């Protein structure tokens, strides 16, 4: 599959999404629930494998599945150049068969939240040798610490803000954290 990915300009990623990507005009964010850690892994691998095989338009930038520390939750994040391109892709019956049917065979979920990246607030510098290892969607008081940075995303209708907090560790297990699993990315060119 690696050769196929290179031919399309898409590469696999084991890291976190690149927030603030200047070409990302649409960010899709959703949380999915599975039965257990085995099913969590099956769903994440299946979704990323499906997207890696798909014929994706230039407007597709990235899709990441992040594993929740509870062994059941998945944070799904996709980036597109703009909303119109995403809607055109999802409206095409061929794409619905190739993507939606495969994903829905793995997990049944509602539509993701539709956002635009707003800003990142750096709360403190990372320590040398301590990269960002996890994200949380909880508030700082729920997470037990402020984290390193907060990535703000505003809903398309402007009524909601989705905040992802970056952390240098995976936490102590008291709050849900998301760690990188797999993704497919169109590198900035």
C-alpha atoms as a PDB file:
ATOM      1  CA  UNK A   1       0.000   0.000   0.000  1.00  0.00           C
ATOM      2  CA  UNK A   2       2.938   2.331   0.577  1.00  0.00           C
ATOM      3  CA  UNK A   3       3.715   2.536  -3.166  1.00  0.00           C
ATOM      4  CA  UNK A   4       0.061   3.291  -3.900  1.00  0.00           C
ATOM      5  CA  UNK A   5       0.114   6.087  -1.349  1.00  0.00           C
ATOM      6  CA  UNK A   6       3.254   7.642  -2.820  1.00  0.00           C
ATOM      7  CA  UNK A   7       1.695   7.656  -6.300  1.00  0.00           C
ATOM      8  CA  UNK A   8      -1.297   9.645  -5.034  1.00  0.00           C
ATOM      9  CA  UNK A   9       0.794  12.109  -3.032  1.00  0.00           C
ATOM     10  CA  UNK A  10      -0.748  10.792   0.189  1.00  0.00           C
ATOM     11  CA  UNK A  11       1.535   9.404   2.913  1.00  0.00           C
ATOM     12  CA  UNK A  12       0.818   7.456   6.080  1.00  0.00           C
ATOM     13  CA  UNK A  13       1.274   9.259   9.367  1.00  0.00           C
ATOM     14  CA  UNK A  14       1.658   7.954  12.877  1.00  0.00           C
ATOM     15  CA  UNK A  15       1.622  11.444  14.354  1.00  0.00           C
ATOM     16  CA  UNK A  16      -0.917  14.017  15.385  1.00  0.00           C
ATOM     17  CA  UNK A  17      -2.822  16.209  12.920  1.00  0.00           C
ATOM     18  CA  UNK A  18      -1.140  19.445  11.864  1.00  0.00           C
ATOM     19  CA  UNK A  19      -3.438  22.076  13.336  1.00  0.00           C
ATOM     20  CA  UNK A  20      -3.204  25.515  11.807  1.00  0.00           C
ATOM     21  CA  UNK A  21      -2.430  24.085   8.405  1.00  0.00           C
ATOM     22  CA  UNK A  22      -2.971  27.143   6.167  1.00  0.00           C
ATOM     23  CA  UNK A  23      -4.590  25.160   3.338  1.00  0.00           C
ATOM     24  CA  UNK A  24      -7.184  23.515   5.639  1.00  0.00           C
ATOM     25  CA  UNK A  25     -10.443  25.415   5.282  1.00  0.00           C
ATOM     26  CA  UNK A  26     -12.559  22.624   6.794  1.00  0.00           C
ATOM     27  CA  UNK A  27     -11.840  20.421   9.807  1.00  0.00           C
ATOM     28  CA  UNK A  28     -14.193  17.530  10.569  1.00  0.00           C
ATOM     29  CA  UNK A  29     -14.095  16.315  14.184  1.00  0.00           C
ATOM     30  CA  UNK A  30     -16.028  13.486  15.803  1.00  0.00           C
ATOM     31  CA  UNK A  31     -15.731  11.045  18.684  1.00  0.00           C
ATOM     32  CA  UNK A  32     -16.753   7.427  18.151  1.00  0.00           C
ATOM     33  CA  UNK A  33     -17.441   4.749  20.753  1.00  0.00           C
ATOM     34  CA  UNK A  34     -16.538   1.075  20.311  1.00  0.00           C
ATOM     35  CA  UNK A  35     -17.076  -1.934  22.583  1.00  0.00           C
ATOM     36  CA  UNK A  36     -13.461  -2.521  23.626  1.00  0.00           C
ATOM     37  CA  UNK A  37      -9.784  -2.002  22.747  1.00  0.00           C
ATOM     38  CA  UNK A  38      -9.778  -4.759  20.109  1.00  0.00           C
ATOM     39  CA  UNK A  39     -12.744  -3.218  18.293  1.00  0.00           C
ATOM     40  CA  UNK A  40     -11.194   0.262  18.695  1.00  0.00           C
ATOM     41  CA  UNK A  41      -8.091  -0.920  16.824  1.00  0.00           C
ATOM     42  CA  UNK A  42     -10.098  -2.747  14.137  1.00  0.00           C
ATOM     43  CA  UNK A  43     -12.190   0.360  13.441  1.00  0.00           C
ATOM     44  CA  UNK A  44      -9.199   2.730  13.327  1.00  0.00           C
ATOM     45  CA  UNK A  45      -7.197   0.447  11.022  1.00  0.00           C
ATOM     46  CA  UNK A  46     -10.221  -0.182   8.806  1.00  0.00           C
ATOM     47  CA  UNK A  47     -11.038   3.511   8.431  1.00  0.00           C
ATOM     48  CA  UNK A  48      -7.466   4.538   7.617  1.00  0.00           C
ATOM     49  CA  UNK A  49      -6.975   1.572   5.252  1.00  0.00           C
ATOM     50  CA  UNK A  50     -10.191   2.531   3.430  1.00  0.00           C
ATOM     51  CA  UNK A  51      -9.066   6.139   3.020  1.00  0.00           C
ATOM     52  CA  UNK A  52      -5.555   5.060   1.993  1.00  0.00           C
ATOM     53  CA  UNK A  53      -7.033   2.987  -0.862  1.00  0.00           C
ATOM     54  CA  UNK A  54      -9.535   5.628  -1.991  1.00  0.00           C
ATOM     55  CA  UNK A  55      -9.082   7.940  -4.958  1.00  0.00           C
ATOM     56  CA  UNK A  56      -8.961  11.194  -3.065  1.00  0.00           C
ATOM     57  CA  UNK A  57      -9.269  14.626  -4.653  1.00  0.00           C
ATOM     58  CA  UNK A  58      -6.592  17.300  -4.251  1.00  0.00           C
ATOM     59  CA  UNK A  59      -8.927  18.994  -1.758  1.00  0.00           C
ATOM     60  CA  UNK A  60      -8.398  16.139   0.704  1.00  0.00           C
ATOM     61  CA  UNK A  61      -5.565  17.011   3.092  1.00  0.00           C
ATOM     62  CA  UNK A  62      -5.569  14.556   6.010  1.00  0.00           C
ATOM     63  CA  UNK A  63      -7.482  12.044   8.103  1.00  0.00           C
ATOM     64  CA  UNK A  64      -6.372  10.818  11.500  1.00  0.00           C
ATOM     65  CA  UNK A  65      -7.782   8.321  13.975  1.00  0.00           C
ATOM     66  CA  UNK A  66      -6.568   8.838  17.536  1.00  0.00           C
ATOM     67  CA  UNK A  67      -6.992   6.146  20.182  1.00  0.00           C
ATOM     68  CA  UNK A  68      -8.724   7.087  23.418  1.00  0.00           C
ATOM     69  CA  UNK A  69      -6.993   6.077  26.634  1.00  0.00           C
ATOM     70  CA  UNK A  70     -10.192   4.305  27.747  1.00  0.00           C
ATOM     71  CA  UNK A  71      -9.653   1.637  25.047  1.00  0.00           C
ATOM     72  CA  UNK A  72     -13.038   2.372  23.451  1.00  0.00           C
ATOM     73  CA  UNK A  73     -13.177   5.957  22.188  1.00  0.00           C
ATOM     74  CA  UNK A  74     -11.785   7.165  18.851  1.00  0.00           C
ATOM     75  CA  UNK A  75     -11.152  10.802  17.974  1.00  0.00           C
ATOM     76  CA  UNK A  76     -11.602  11.179  14.221  1.00  0.00           C
ATOM     77  CA  UNK A  77     -10.165  14.296  12.555  1.00  0.00           C
ATOM     78  CA  UNK A  78     -10.201  15.076   8.827  1.00  0.00           C
ATOM     79  CA  UNK A  79      -8.923  18.169   7.018  1.00  0.00           C
ATOM     80  CA  UNK A  80     -10.076  19.453   3.609  1.00  0.00           C
ATOM     81  CA  UNK A  81      -9.238  22.597   1.663  1.00  0.00           C
ATOM     82  CA  UNK A  82     -12.852  23.766   1.825  1.00  0.00           C
ATOM     83  CA  UNK A  83     -16.405  22.699   2.647  1.00  0.00           C
ATOM     84  CA  UNK A  84     -17.626  22.724  -0.974  1.00  0.00           C
ATOM     85  CA  UNK A  85     -14.934  20.259  -2.066  1.00  0.00           C
ATOM     86  CA  UNK A  86     -15.776  17.926   0.814  1.00  0.00           C
ATOM     87  CA  UNK A  87     -19.505  18.081   0.052  1.00  0.00           C
ATOM     88  CA  UNK A  88     -18.867  17.384  -3.645  1.00  0.00           C
ATOM     89  CA  UNK A  89     -16.750  14.353  -2.733  1.00  0.00           C
ATOM     90  CA  UNK A  90     -19.321  12.931  -0.316  1.00  0.00           C
ATOM     91  CA  UNK A  91     -22.218  13.556  -2.749  1.00  0.00           C
ATOM     92  CA  UNK A  92     -20.636  11.416  -5.488  1.00  0.00           C
ATOM     93  CA  UNK A  93     -22.273   7.939  -5.433  1.00  0.00           C
ATOM     94  CA  UNK A  94     -18.976   6.233  -6.324  1.00  0.00           C
ATOM     95  CA  UNK A  95     -17.294   7.811  -3.313  1.00  0.00           C
ATOM     96  CA  UNK A  96     -20.238   6.893  -1.106  1.00  0.00           C
ATOM     97  CA  UNK A  97     -19.825   3.246  -2.109  1.00  0.00           C
ATOM     98  CA  UNK A  98     -16.039   3.262  -1.736  1.00  0.00           C
ATOM     99  CA  UNK A  99     -15.784   5.200   1.518  1.00  0.00           C
ATOM    100  CA  UNK A 100     -19.066   5.491   3.396  1.00  0.00           C
ATOM    101  CA  UNK A 101     -20.131   1.875   2.973  1.00  0.00           C
ATOM    102  CA  UNK A 102     -16.724   0.597   4.119  1.00  0.00           C
ATOM    103  CA  UNK A 103     -16.645   2.880   7.150  1.00  0.00           C
ATOM    104  CA  UNK A 104     -20.252   2.142   8.110  1.00  0.00           C
ATOM    105  CA  UNK A 105     -19.471  -1.591   7.947  1.00  0.00           C
ATOM    106  CA  UNK A 106     -16.965  -0.922  10.735  1.00  0.00           C
ATOM    107  CA  UNK A 107     -18.908   1.565  12.841  1.00  0.00           C
ATOM    108  CA  UNK A 108     -22.203   3.426  12.607  1.00  0.00           C
ATOM    109  CA  UNK A 109     -21.847   7.070  13.514  1.00  0.00           C
ATOM    110  CA  UNK A 110     -23.566  10.336  12.832  1.00  0.00           C
ATOM    111  CA  UNK A 111     -22.034  13.133  10.820  1.00  0.00           C
ATOM    112  CA  UNK A 112     -18.945  14.822  12.249  1.00  0.00           C
ATOM    113  CA  UNK A 113     -18.853  18.385  13.505  1.00  0.00           C
ATOM    114  CA  UNK A 114     -17.808  20.820  10.774  1.00  0.00           C
ATOM    115  CA  UNK A 115     -15.245  23.410  11.877  1.00  0.00           C
ATOM    116  CA  UNK A 116     -12.679  25.880  10.695  1.00  0.00           C
ATOM    117  CA  UNK A 117      -9.385  26.234  12.499  1.00  0.00           C
ATOM    118  CA  UNK A 118      -9.450  29.404  14.585  1.00  0.00           C
ATOM    119  CA  UNK A 119      -6.194  29.628  16.526  1.00  0.00           C
ATOM    120  CA  UNK A 120      -3.659  27.909  18.765  1.00  0.00           C
ATOM    121  CA  UNK A 121      -2.831  29.295  22.170  1.00  0.00           C
ATOM    122  CA  UNK A 122       0.535  28.171  23.526  1.00  0.00           C
ATOM    123  CA  UNK A 123       0.191  27.729  27.278  1.00  0.00           C
ATOM    124  CA  UNK A 124       3.827  26.903  27.935  1.00  0.00           C
ATOM    125  CA  UNK A 125       6.860  25.695  26.042  1.00  0.00           C
ATOM    126  CA  UNK A 126       7.409  21.964  25.791  1.00  0.00           C
ATOM    127  CA  UNK A 127      10.296  20.527  27.740  1.00  0.00           C
ATOM    128  CA  UNK A 128      13.375  19.462  25.741  1.00  0.00           C
ATOM    129  CA  UNK A 129      12.858  15.947  24.398  1.00  0.00           C
ATOM    130  CA  UNK A 130       9.154  15.906  25.390  1.00  0.00           C
ATOM    131  CA  UNK A 131       7.044  16.156  22.233  1.00  0.00           C
ATOM    132  CA  UNK A 132       3.261  16.358  22.229  1.00  0.00           C
ATOM    133  CA  UNK A 133       2.008  12.839  22.970  1.00  0.00           C
ATOM    134  CA  UNK A 134      -1.733  13.231  23.439  1.00  0.00           C
ATOM    135  CA  UNK A 135      -4.762  15.460  23.003  1.00  0.00           C
ATOM    136  CA  UNK A 136      -7.792  15.906  25.198  1.00  0.00           C
ATOM    137  CA  UNK A 137     -11.171  17.452  24.571  1.00  0.00           C
ATOM    138  CA  UNK A 138     -11.754  18.169  28.244  1.00  0.00           C
ATOM    139  CA  UNK A 139     -11.358  21.476  30.004  1.00  0.00           C
ATOM    140  CA  UNK A 140      -8.112  22.067  31.925  1.00  0.00           C
ATOM    141  CA  UNK A 141      -9.837  21.501  35.278  1.00  0.00           C
ATOM    142  CA  UNK A 142     -11.219  18.157  34.060  1.00  0.00           C
ATOM    143  CA  UNK A 143      -7.860  17.141  32.638  1.00  0.00           C
ATOM    144  CA  UNK A 144      -6.013  18.000  35.852  1.00  0.00           C
ATOM    145  CA  UNK A 145      -3.485  20.216  34.086  1.00  0.00           C
ATOM    146  CA  UNK A 146      -3.422  23.014  31.569  1.00  0.00           C
ATOM    147  CA  UNK A 147      -1.453  21.168  28.898  1.00  0.00           C
ATOM    148  CA  UNK A 148       1.010  22.708  26.482  1.00  0.00           C
ATOM    149  CA  UNK A 149      -1.321  24.309  23.933  1.00  0.00           C
ATOM    150  CA  UNK A 150      -4.966  24.617  23.005  1.00  0.00           C
ATOM    151  CA  UNK A 151      -6.182  24.346  19.414  1.00  0.00           C
ATOM    152  CA  UNK A 152      -9.475  26.192  18.861  1.00  0.00           C
ATOM    153  CA  UNK A 153     -11.876  25.240  16.045  1.00  0.00           C
ATOM    154  CA  UNK A 154     -15.044  27.263  15.346  1.00  0.00           C
ATOM    155  CA  UNK A 155     -18.143  25.542  13.969  1.00  0.00           C
ATOM    156  CA  UNK A 156     -19.281  26.545  10.490  1.00  0.00           C
ATOM    157  CA  UNK A 157     -22.359  28.224  11.952  1.00  0.00           C
ATOM    158  CA  UNK A 158     -20.169  30.108  14.463  1.00  0.00           C
ATOM    159  CA  UNK A 159     -22.180  28.864  17.462  1.00  0.00           C
ATOM    160  CA  UNK A 160     -19.731  26.331  18.905  1.00  0.00           C
ATOM    161  CA  UNK A 161     -16.023  26.085  19.608  1.00  0.00           C
ATOM    162  CA  UNK A 162     -14.212  22.740  19.810  1.00  0.00           C
ATOM    163  CA  UNK A 163     -11.001  22.893  21.840  1.00  0.00           C
ATOM    164  CA  UNK A 164      -8.286  20.247  21.682  1.00  0.00           C
ATOM    165  CA  UNK A 165      -5.631  20.525  24.382  1.00  0.00           C
ATOM    166  CA  UNK A 166      -2.141  19.176  23.642  1.00  0.00           C
ATOM    167  CA  UNK A 167      -0.204  17.334  26.370  1.00  0.00           C
ATOM    168  CA  UNK A 168       3.348  16.046  26.701  1.00  0.00           C
ATOM    169  CA  UNK A 169       2.213  12.793  28.309  1.00  0.00           C
ATOM    170  CA  UNK A 170      -0.669  10.355  28.129  1.00  0.00           C
ATOM    171  CA  UNK A 171      -2.032  11.343  31.540  1.00  0.00           C
ATOM    172  CA  UNK A 172      -2.684   9.321  34.655  1.00  0.00           C
ATOM    173  CA  UNK A 173      -5.843   7.641  33.363  1.00  0.00           C
ATOM    174  CA  UNK A 174      -8.302   9.833  35.248  1.00  0.00           C
ATOM    175  CA  UNK A 175      -9.214  11.893  32.156  1.00  0.00           C
ATOM    176  CA  UNK A 176      -9.682  10.716  28.589  1.00  0.00           C
ATOM    177  CA  UNK A 177      -6.669  11.401  26.386  1.00  0.00           C
ATOM    178  CA  UNK A 178      -6.170  10.633  22.710  1.00  0.00           C
ATOM    179  CA  UNK A 179      -2.839   9.383  21.395  1.00  0.00           C
ATOM    180  CA  UNK A 180      -1.807   9.167  17.737  1.00  0.00           C
ATOM    181  CA  UNK A 181      -2.633   5.932  16.004  1.00  0.00           C
ATOM    182  CA  UNK A 182      -2.726   6.207  12.219  1.00  0.00           C
ATOM    183  CA  UNK A 183      -3.476   8.754   9.587  1.00  0.00           C
ATOM    184  CA  UNK A 184      -3.172   9.564   5.903  1.00  0.00           C
ATOM    185  CA  UNK A 185      -1.850  12.974   4.919  1.00  0.00           C
ATOM    186  CA  UNK A 186      -1.250  15.001   1.779  1.00  0.00           C
ATOM    187  CA  UNK A 187       2.006  16.804   2.629  1.00  0.00           C
ATOM    188  CA  UNK A 188       2.063  20.540   2.157  1.00  0.00           C
ATOM    189  CA  UNK A 189       3.567  21.250  -1.129  1.00  0.00           C
END
